[in-house]
Amino acid sequence: MIQGPRKFRTLHALLLSLIFTVGAHPTAFALHGTNPPRKLKRTSHHGRRLRWKPMFRPSRESLLRQNEEVDRLQLPRIQDDAELEELKSSHALVPIEASETLRIQPSLEPSRRYCRPWTRDFVQDLSEIYYRQFHEQIQVNSAVRTVKVQKKLRRHNRNAAPAEGETASSHLAGITVDLQRRGMSVEQIRFVERYLFYLHALGLVEPEEERRHWCFHIMVSDRYADWRQSQTVLAPHPAEDALTAMGASN
């Protein structure tokens, strides 16, 4: 576990060096196996045909890491709407709000547009840095879920994580969001992947790129809050150095 601003800055500098070295080749960051991916053609909003070639492949190991984080934080898997409303009332869960840089999928129920405070900070930071680069919004497709909702989802989507057990969905703890990947250009996808790689290397996020729903599934550790605070000393924006590291600054 990384502790203290000094250790954050030391690892931060090492990661900057690494990203500058291989930033032009995002596939070099792949954290999973190197078996040739199956082709899955999609069309971006720029009309380009995309292949399924994710940096962060979904895996059992990733689900286990997500649940280890939930257990470390001693967070409940939210059972039903009554428990969900209690967490909202105590401000343990906070609302995700649309803004100039962030939109929310219209079909996402207002009652489930909530997450943990550090997860909301992550979403806001990423949306701002993404908007600054591309002048487009990032979309939240999913946030907190209850066990009841997850079980219903499993009946219609066999690829959805279980509602119980060691590989249960981390959405149940409110620390995870799904961000829409469909419609992004190759450049935009690689931008988000490299940004996530940077934070993943710091142990702040556990991302997956879901195939069926074409989204970024991102679990955010509460350590993000400490990292974010340390970055305000180094840059005007918490993710400013990450943007510079990717060679994407204006």
Protein backbone atom coordinates (compact mmCIF):
# COMPACT_ATOMS: atom_id res chain seq x y z
CA MET A 1 0.00 0.00 0.00
CA ILE A 2 1.33 3.45 -0.92
CA GLN A 3 1.37 5.84 1.99
CA GLY A 4 2.02 9.57 2.16
CA PRO A 5 2.47 12.28 -0.47
CA ARG A 6 6.24 11.63 -0.78
CA LYS A 7 5.72 8.01 -1.84
CA PHE A 8 2.92 9.08 -4.18
CA ARG A 9 5.23 11.60 -5.83
CA THR A 10 8.09 9.09 -6.13
CA LEU A 11 5.93 6.46 -7.82
CA HIS A 12 4.26 9.24 -9.79
CA ALA A 13 7.66 10.25 -11.27
CA LEU A 14 8.54 6.65 -12.15
CA LEU A 15 5.21 6.17 -13.91
CA LEU A 16 5.63 9.38 -15.86
CA SER A 17 8.97 8.11 -17.13
CA LEU A 18 7.40 4.78 -18.12
CA ILE A 19 4.46 6.39 -19.91
CA PHE A 20 6.69 8.83 -21.78
CA THR A 21 8.81 5.87 -22.92
CA VAL A 22 5.99 3.72 -24.29
CA GLY A 23 3.09 6.17 -24.52
CA ALA A 24 3.11 6.06 -28.29
CA HIS A 25 2.35 2.33 -28.16
CA PRO A 26 -0.66 1.86 -25.84
CA THR A 27 -0.88 -1.86 -26.49
CA ALA A 28 2.44 -2.22 -24.69
CA PHE A 29 0.53 -1.46 -21.49
CA ALA A 30 -1.61 -4.63 -21.70
CA LEU A 31 -1.91 -6.23 -18.27
CA HIS A 32 -3.44 -9.53 -19.37
CA GLY A 33 -2.63 -12.33 -21.79
CA THR A 34 -1.29 -11.79 -25.30
CA ASN A 35 -3.50 -14.28 -27.16
CA PRO A 36 -4.77 -12.78 -30.42
CA PRO A 37 -8.20 -11.20 -29.76
CA ARG A 38 -11.27 -12.20 -31.67
CA LYS A 39 -12.42 -9.55 -34.05
CA LEU A 40 -15.55 -7.68 -33.08
CA LYS A 41 -16.43 -4.94 -35.49
CA ARG A 42 -18.03 -1.79 -34.18
CA THR A 43 -18.50 1.60 -35.77
CA SER A 44 -17.41 4.73 -33.94
CA HIS A 45 -19.25 8.01 -34.30
CA HIS A 46 -16.44 8.96 -36.70
CA GLY A 47 -17.43 6.10 -39.01
CA ARG A 48 -14.34 3.98 -38.39
CA ARG A 49 -14.60 0.21 -37.97
CA LEU A 50 -13.21 -0.78 -34.57
CA ARG A 51 -11.75 -4.09 -33.44
CA TRP A 52 -12.19 -5.56 -29.99
CA LYS A 53 -8.66 -5.08 -28.71
CA PRO A 54 -8.94 -3.96 -25.08
CA MET A 55 -6.12 -3.10 -22.74
CA PHE A 56 -8.14 -4.28 -19.71
CA ARG A 57 -9.84 -7.60 -20.45
CA PRO A 58 -12.57 -8.77 -18.04
CA SER A 59 -11.36 -11.66 -15.89
CA ARG A 60 -12.10 -13.60 -12.75
CA GLU A 61 -8.88 -12.23 -11.26
CA SER A 62 -10.10 -8.68 -11.74
CA LEU A 63 -13.43 -9.47 -10.06
CA LEU A 64 -11.55 -11.00 -7.13
CA ARG A 65 -9.43 -7.85 -6.78
CA GLN A 66 -12.56 -5.70 -6.84
CA ASN A 67 -14.14 -7.74 -4.07
CA GLU A 68 -10.94 -7.66 -2.04
CA GLU A 69 -11.17 -3.88 -2.13
CA VAL A 70 -14.82 -3.94 -1.04
CA ASP A 71 -13.88 -6.22 1.86
CA ARG A 72 -10.88 -4.08 2.82
CA LEU A 73 -13.17 -1.07 3.05
CA GLN A 74 -15.74 -3.15 4.97
CA LEU A 75 -18.51 -1.87 2.73
CA PRO A 76 -21.88 -3.60 2.56
CA ARG A 77 -23.25 -5.14 -0.61
CA ILE A 78 -26.44 -3.08 -0.78
CA GLN A 79 -29.37 -5.45 -0.60
CA ASP A 80 -32.42 -3.42 -1.55
CA ASP A 81 -33.88 0.05 -2.05
CA ALA A 82 -34.42 0.59 1.68
CA GLU A 83 -30.70 0.10 2.39
CA LEU A 84 -29.84 2.23 -0.62
CA GLU A 85 -31.95 5.11 0.67
CA GLU A 86 -30.31 4.89 4.10
CA LEU A 87 -26.87 5.28 2.54
CA LYS A 88 -28.05 8.26 0.53
CA SER A 89 -29.52 9.90 3.63
CA SER A 90 -26.24 9.49 5.52
CA HIS A 91 -24.29 10.84 2.51
CA ALA A 92 -22.27 7.66 2.31
CA LEU A 93 -23.48 7.69 -1.29
CA VAL A 94 -23.49 10.95 -3.24
CA PRO A 95 -25.24 11.90 -6.50
CA ILE A 96 -23.55 11.90 -9.88
CA GLU A 97 -24.73 15.02 -11.66
CA ALA A 98 -24.68 15.89 -15.33
CA SER A 99 -22.51 18.84 -16.32
CA GLU A 100 -20.84 20.43 -19.33
CA THR A 101 -18.31 17.58 -19.32
CA LEU A 102 -20.49 14.68 -18.14
CA ARG A 103 -23.78 13.19 -19.27
CA ILE A 104 -25.81 10.35 -17.83
CA GLN A 105 -27.57 7.65 -19.81
CA PRO A 106 -31.24 8.71 -19.80
CA SER A 107 -32.44 5.17 -19.02
CA LEU A 108 -30.42 5.03 -15.78
CA GLU A 109 -32.92 5.43 -12.97
CA PRO A 110 -32.39 8.61 -10.92
CA SER A 111 -32.38 6.52 -7.73
CA ARG A 112 -29.24 4.72 -8.97
CA ARG A 113 -27.27 7.75 -10.13
CA TYR A 114 -25.21 7.54 -6.94
CA CYS A 115 -21.79 6.31 -5.85
CA ARG A 116 -19.14 6.74 -3.15
CA PRO A 117 -17.63 10.26 -2.87
CA TRP A 118 -14.20 9.23 -4.16
CA THR A 119 -15.76 7.49 -7.15
CA ARG A 120 -17.68 10.64 -8.01
CA ASP A 121 -14.43 12.64 -7.77
CA PHE A 122 -12.79 10.21 -10.18
CA VAL A 123 -15.64 10.53 -12.68
CA GLN A 124 -15.57 14.31 -12.49
CA ASP A 125 -11.80 14.44 -12.95
CA LEU A 126 -11.82 12.08 -15.93
CA SER A 127 -14.75 13.85 -17.58
CA GLU A 128 -13.01 17.21 -17.27
CA ILE A 129 -9.70 15.99 -18.69
CA TYR A 130 -11.53 14.14 -21.50
CA TYR A 131 -13.61 17.18 -22.38
CA ARG A 132 -10.53 19.37 -22.39
CA GLN A 133 -8.89 17.03 -24.90
CA PHE A 134 -11.84 16.18 -27.18
CA HIS A 135 -14.54 18.77 -26.39
CA GLU A 136 -17.01 15.93 -25.90
CA GLN A 137 -18.77 14.55 -22.84
CA ILE A 138 -18.18 11.18 -21.24
CA GLN A 139 -21.34 9.25 -20.38
CA VAL A 140 -22.12 7.33 -17.19
CA ASN A 141 -24.16 4.24 -18.04
CA SER A 142 -24.36 2.64 -14.60
CA ALA A 143 -23.39 3.35 -10.99
CA VAL A 144 -24.67 1.86 -7.73
CA ARG A 145 -26.86 -1.25 -7.84
CA THR A 146 -28.63 -3.34 -5.25
CA VAL A 147 -28.44 -7.11 -4.97
CA LYS A 148 -32.06 -7.24 -6.10
CA VAL A 149 -31.25 -5.25 -9.26
CA GLN A 150 -28.14 -7.34 -9.96
CA LYS A 151 -30.10 -10.59 -9.75
CA LYS A 152 -32.64 -9.20 -12.21
CA LEU A 153 -29.83 -8.12 -14.51
CA ARG A 154 -28.32 -11.63 -14.40
CA ARG A 155 -31.56 -13.07 -15.74
CA HIS A 156 -31.20 -10.99 -18.91
CA ASN A 157 -27.41 -10.79 -19.21
CA ARG A 158 -25.45 -13.98 -18.61
CA ASN A 159 -22.19 -12.00 -18.69
CA ALA A 160 -23.17 -9.86 -15.70
CA ALA A 161 -21.25 -10.50 -12.49
CA PRO A 162 -23.02 -12.47 -9.73
CA ALA A 163 -24.93 -10.75 -6.95
CA GLU A 164 -23.16 -12.82 -4.29
CA GLY A 165 -19.89 -14.59 -3.63
CA GLU A 166 -16.22 -13.79 -4.17
CA THR A 167 -16.82 -12.50 -7.71
CA ALA A 168 -19.91 -10.42 -6.95
CA SER A 169 -20.38 -7.14 -8.79
CA SER A 170 -18.56 -4.23 -7.15
CA HIS A 171 -21.46 -2.00 -8.24
CA LEU A 172 -23.21 -3.37 -5.14
CA ALA A 173 -20.85 -1.37 -2.90
CA GLY A 174 -21.22 1.88 -4.82
CA ILE A 175 -17.53 2.16 -5.71
CA THR A 176 -17.90 1.37 -9.42
CA VAL A 177 -19.18 3.11 -12.53
CA ASP A 178 -19.65 2.05 -16.14
CA LEU A 179 -18.62 4.66 -18.71
CA GLN A 180 -19.80 4.35 -22.29
CA ARG A 181 -17.13 3.17 -24.73
CA ARG A 182 -19.39 2.74 -27.77
CA GLY A 183 -19.15 5.71 -30.10
CA MET A 184 -15.60 6.65 -29.12
CA SER A 185 -12.92 6.88 -31.77
CA VAL A 186 -9.78 4.77 -31.54
CA GLU A 187 -7.91 7.84 -30.31
CA GLN A 188 -10.48 8.48 -27.57
CA ILE A 189 -10.46 4.85 -26.43
CA ARG A 190 -6.67 4.79 -26.22
CA PHE A 191 -6.71 8.08 -24.33
CA VAL A 192 -9.00 6.65 -21.65
CA GLU A 193 -7.05 3.37 -21.54
CA ARG A 194 -3.74 5.15 -20.94
CA TYR A 195 -5.33 7.36 -18.31
CA LEU A 196 -6.68 4.25 -16.55
CA PHE A 197 -3.33 2.49 -16.90
CA TYR A 198 -1.66 5.33 -15.06
CA LEU A 199 -4.13 5.15 -12.15
CA HIS A 200 -4.20 1.35 -12.20
CA ALA A 201 -0.42 1.26 -11.79
CA LEU A 202 -0.85 3.41 -8.66
CA GLY A 203 -3.40 0.94 -7.30
CA LEU A 204 -6.22 3.49 -7.47
CA VAL A 205 -8.57 1.83 -9.97
CA GLU A 206 -9.42 -1.65 -11.23
CA PRO A 207 -10.79 -1.30 -14.77
CA GLU A 208 -12.32 -3.72 -17.26
CA GLU A 209 -13.50 -3.13 -20.82
CA GLU A 210 -16.74 -5.00 -21.22
CA ARG A 211 -17.32 -6.56 -24.61
CA ARG A 212 -21.05 -7.04 -24.83
CA HIS A 213 -22.03 -3.60 -23.58
CA TRP A 214 -18.96 -1.83 -24.99
CA CYS A 215 -18.18 0.16 -21.84
CA PHE A 216 -15.43 0.86 -19.33
CA HIS A 217 -16.25 -0.80 -15.99
CA ILE A 218 -14.14 1.00 -13.38
CA MET A 219 -13.85 0.26 -9.67
CA VAL A 220 -12.30 3.15 -7.75
CA SER A 221 -10.36 2.68 -4.50
CA ASP A 222 -10.82 5.13 -1.64
CA ARG A 223 -7.06 5.73 -1.98
CA TYR A 224 -7.97 7.91 -4.94
CA ALA A 225 -9.04 10.62 -2.47
CA ASP A 226 -5.57 10.78 -0.88
CA TRP A 227 -3.86 10.72 -4.28
CA ARG A 228 -6.16 13.44 -5.54
CA GLN A 229 -5.35 15.65 -2.58
CA SER A 230 -1.61 15.14 -3.10
CA GLN A 231 -1.93 16.17 -6.76
CA THR A 232 -3.36 19.57 -5.94
CA VAL A 233 0.10 20.50 -4.65
CA LEU A 234 1.72 19.49 -7.94
CA ALA A 235 -0.76 20.72 -10.55
CA PRO A 236 -3.84 22.94 -10.93
CA HIS A 237 -5.96 19.89 -11.75
CA PRO A 238 -5.64 16.52 -9.93
CA ALA A 239 -5.05 14.68 -13.21
CA GLU A 240 -2.94 17.34 -14.92
CA ASP A 241 0.30 15.35 -14.77
CA ALA A 242 -1.43 12.26 -16.08
CA LEU A 243 -2.56 14.25 -19.09
CA THR A 244 0.97 15.58 -19.63
CA ALA A 245 2.35 12.06 -19.31
CA MET A 246 0.18 10.89 -22.17
CA GLY A 247 1.56 13.63 -24.39
CA ALA A 248 -1.90 15.12 -24.70
CA SER A 249 -1.52 18.52 -23.10
CA ASN A 250 -2.60 21.56 -25.09
